[in-house]
Amino acid sequence: MISSVGGSNAPGLATALMKEKTAMQDVAVAVVKKGQDIERAQGESALKLIDSATGAASPGRIDVHA
């Protein structure tokens, strides 16, 4: 019974497992890149908010009493 599980299809199985692992890594990289895009957009929004707040105060300062 063990001999029927033998190695005639082992290279195909190894290739399939490597392709699956590569696909999973590609998904992980895509998720990280999306997270970086979101962080970048939030940072840009924060800078715009800070810039708009400094426009009401004296140049280079944020009006904390508004």
N, C-alpha and C. Protein backbone atom coordinates (compact mmCIF):
# COMPACT_ATOMS: atom_id res chain seq x y z
N MET A 1 0.81 -1.18 0.00
CA MET A 1 0.00 0.00 0.00
C MET A 1 0.86 1.26 0.00
N ILE A 2 1.93 1.24 0.74
CA ILE A 2 2.83 2.40 0.78
C ILE A 2 3.50 2.58 -0.58
N SER A 3 3.81 1.50 -1.24
CA SER A 3 4.46 1.63 -2.54
C SER A 3 3.54 2.26 -3.58
N SER A 4 2.23 2.18 -3.40
CA SER A 4 1.32 2.80 -4.37
C SER A 4 1.29 4.32 -4.22
N VAL A 5 1.75 4.85 -3.08
CA VAL A 5 1.82 6.29 -2.89
C VAL A 5 3.08 6.83 -3.53
N GLY A 6 3.98 5.99 -3.87
CA GLY A 6 5.31 6.26 -4.40
C GLY A 6 5.52 7.52 -5.20
N GLY A 7 6.71 7.65 -5.72
CA GLY A 7 7.21 8.91 -6.24
C GLY A 7 7.01 9.21 -7.69
N SER A 8 6.15 8.54 -8.41
CA SER A 8 6.02 8.85 -9.83
C SER A 8 5.43 10.23 -10.06
N ASN A 9 4.62 10.74 -9.13
CA ASN A 9 4.00 12.05 -9.30
C ASN A 9 4.60 13.09 -8.36
N ALA A 10 5.70 12.76 -7.70
CA ALA A 10 6.32 13.66 -6.73
C ALA A 10 6.75 14.99 -7.35
N PRO A 11 7.35 15.02 -8.54
CA PRO A 11 7.73 16.32 -9.11
C PRO A 11 6.52 17.21 -9.38
N GLY A 12 5.44 16.63 -9.83
CA GLY A 12 4.22 17.41 -10.08
C GLY A 12 3.66 17.98 -8.79
N LEU A 13 3.69 17.19 -7.73
CA LEU A 13 3.21 17.65 -6.44
C LEU A 13 4.10 18.77 -5.91
N ALA A 14 5.40 18.62 -6.03
CA ALA A 14 6.33 19.65 -5.56
C ALA A 14 6.11 20.95 -6.33
N THR A 15 5.90 20.84 -7.63
CA THR A 15 5.65 22.03 -8.45
C THR A 15 4.35 22.71 -8.03
N ALA A 16 3.32 21.92 -7.79
CA ALA A 16 2.04 22.48 -7.36
C ALA A 16 2.16 23.18 -6.02
N LEU A 17 2.90 22.59 -5.10
CA LEU A 17 3.09 23.20 -3.78
C LEU A 17 3.89 24.50 -3.88
N MET A 18 4.91 24.52 -4.74
CA MET A 18 5.70 25.73 -4.92
C MET A 18 4.85 26.84 -5.55
N LYS A 19 4.00 26.48 -6.52
CA LYS A 19 3.13 27.49 -7.14
C LYS A 19 2.14 28.05 -6.13
N GLU A 20 1.61 27.19 -5.26
CA GLU A 20 0.68 27.64 -4.25
C GLU A 20 1.37 28.59 -3.27
N LYS A 21 2.58 28.24 -2.86
CA LYS A 21 3.33 29.09 -1.93
C LYS A 21 3.63 30.44 -2.58
N THR A 22 4.01 30.42 -3.86
CA THR A 22 4.29 31.67 -4.58
C THR A 22 3.03 32.53 -4.67
N ALA A 23 1.90 31.91 -4.93
CA ALA A 23 0.65 32.65 -5.01
C ALA A 23 0.30 33.28 -3.66
N MET A 24 0.53 32.54 -2.58
CA MET A 24 0.25 33.07 -1.25
C MET A 24 1.18 34.25 -0.92
N GLN A 25 2.43 34.16 -1.34
CA GLN A 25 3.36 35.26 -1.12
C GLN A 25 2.96 36.48 -1.94
N ASP A 26 2.48 36.26 -3.17
CA ASP A 26 2.02 37.37 -4.00
C ASP A 26 0.84 38.09 -3.35
N VAL A 27 -0.07 37.33 -2.75
CA VAL A 27 -1.21 37.93 -2.06
C VAL A 27 -0.71 38.74 -0.86
N ALA A 28 0.22 38.19 -0.11
CA ALA A 28 0.75 38.89 1.06
C ALA A 28 1.42 40.20 0.65
N VAL A 29 2.17 40.19 -0.43
CA VAL A 29 2.83 41.41 -0.92
C VAL A 29 1.78 42.43 -1.36
N ALA A 30 0.73 41.99 -2.03
CA ALA A 30 -0.33 42.89 -2.47
C ALA A 30 -1.02 43.54 -1.27
N VAL A 31 -1.24 42.77 -0.21
CA VAL A 31 -1.88 43.31 0.99
C VAL A 31 -0.98 44.36 1.64
N VAL A 32 0.31 44.09 1.72
CA VAL A 32 1.24 45.06 2.30
C VAL A 32 1.28 46.34 1.47
N LYS A 33 1.32 46.20 0.15
CA LYS A 33 1.35 47.39 -0.72
C LYS A 33 0.08 48.21 -0.56
N LYS A 34 -1.07 47.55 -0.45
CA LYS A 34 -2.33 48.27 -0.25
C LYS A 34 -2.30 49.02 1.08
N GLY A 35 -1.78 48.37 2.11
CA GLY A 35 -1.65 49.02 3.40
C GLY A 35 -0.75 50.24 3.33
N GLN A 36 0.34 50.14 2.58
CA GLN A 36 1.24 51.29 2.41
C GLN A 36 0.54 52.42 1.66
N ASP A 37 -0.26 52.09 0.66
CA ASP A 37 -1.00 53.11 -0.08
C ASP A 37 -1.98 53.84 0.84
N ILE A 38 -2.65 53.09 1.70
CA ILE A 38 -3.60 53.69 2.63
C ILE A 38 -2.87 54.60 3.62
N GLU A 39 -1.74 54.13 4.15
CA GLU A 39 -0.96 54.94 5.08
C GLU A 39 -0.48 56.23 4.42
N ARG A 40 -0.04 56.12 3.17
CA ARG A 40 0.44 57.29 2.43
C ARG A 40 -0.69 58.30 2.25
N ALA A 41 -1.87 57.81 1.88
CA ALA A 41 -3.01 58.69 1.67
C ALA A 41 -3.42 59.37 2.99
N GLN A 42 -3.39 58.64 4.08
CA GLN A 42 -3.73 59.22 5.38
C GLN A 42 -2.69 60.27 5.79
N GLY A 43 -1.43 60.00 5.49
CA GLY A 43 -0.39 60.98 5.79
C GLY A 43 -0.56 62.26 5.00
N GLU A 44 -0.89 62.12 3.73
CA GLU A 44 -1.11 63.29 2.89
C GLU A 44 -2.32 64.09 3.38
N SER A 45 -3.37 63.38 3.79
CA SER A 45 -4.55 64.06 4.33
C SER A 45 -4.21 64.80 5.62
N ALA A 46 -3.40 64.18 6.46
CA ALA A 46 -3.01 64.82 7.71
C ALA A 46 -2.20 66.09 7.43
N LEU A 47 -1.30 66.01 6.46
CA LEU A 47 -0.51 67.20 6.11
C LEU A 47 -1.39 68.31 5.57
N LYS A 48 -2.39 67.96 4.75
CA LYS A 48 -3.31 68.98 4.23
C LYS A 48 -4.10 69.62 5.38
N LEU A 49 -4.52 68.80 6.34
CA LEU A 49 -5.26 69.32 7.48
C LEU A 49 -4.39 70.26 8.29
N ILE A 50 -3.15 69.89 8.52
CA ILE A 50 -2.22 70.75 9.26
C ILE A 50 -1.98 72.04 8.50
N ASP A 51 -1.79 71.94 7.20
CA ASP A 51 -1.58 73.14 6.39
C ASP A 51 -2.79 74.07 6.44
N SER A 52 -3.98 73.50 6.41
CA SER A 52 -5.17 74.34 6.47
C SER A 52 -5.31 75.00 7.84
N ALA A 53 -4.87 74.33 8.88
CA ALA A 53 -4.92 74.91 10.22
C ALA A 53 -3.88 76.01 10.39
N THR A 54 -2.75 75.88 9.74
CA THR A 54 -1.72 76.91 9.86
C THR A 54 -2.07 78.16 9.06
N GLY A 55 -2.97 78.04 8.08
CA GLY A 55 -3.36 79.20 7.30
C GLY A 55 -4.10 80.22 8.14
N ALA A 56 -4.84 79.78 9.16
CA ALA A 56 -5.61 80.70 10.01
C ALA A 56 -4.72 81.34 11.06
N ALA A 57 -3.65 80.72 11.41
CA ALA A 57 -2.74 81.26 12.44
C ALA A 57 -1.62 82.03 11.76
N SER A 58 -0.72 82.51 12.55
CA SER A 58 0.44 83.20 11.99
C SER A 58 1.29 82.19 11.23
N PRO A 59 2.04 82.63 10.26
CA PRO A 59 2.81 81.70 9.42
C PRO A 59 3.71 80.76 10.23
N GLY A 60 3.62 79.47 9.94
CA GLY A 60 4.47 78.49 10.59
C GLY A 60 3.97 78.01 11.94
N ARG A 61 2.81 78.49 12.37
CA ARG A 61 2.30 78.09 13.68
C ARG A 61 0.85 77.63 13.53
N ILE A 62 0.44 76.74 14.42
CA ILE A 62 -0.94 76.27 14.46
C ILE A 62 -1.67 77.02 15.56
N ASP A 63 -2.85 77.53 15.26
CA ASP A 63 -3.65 78.25 16.25
C ASP A 63 -4.34 77.22 17.14
N VAL A 64 -3.84 77.05 18.35
CA VAL A 64 -4.39 76.06 19.27
C VAL A 64 -5.57 76.59 20.06
N HIS A 65 -5.88 77.87 19.97
CA HIS A 65 -6.97 78.48 20.73
C HIS A 65 -8.21 78.66 19.88
N ALA A 66 -8.23 78.18 18.68
CA ALA A 66 -9.37 78.40 17.80
C ALA A 66 -10.57 77.60 18.21
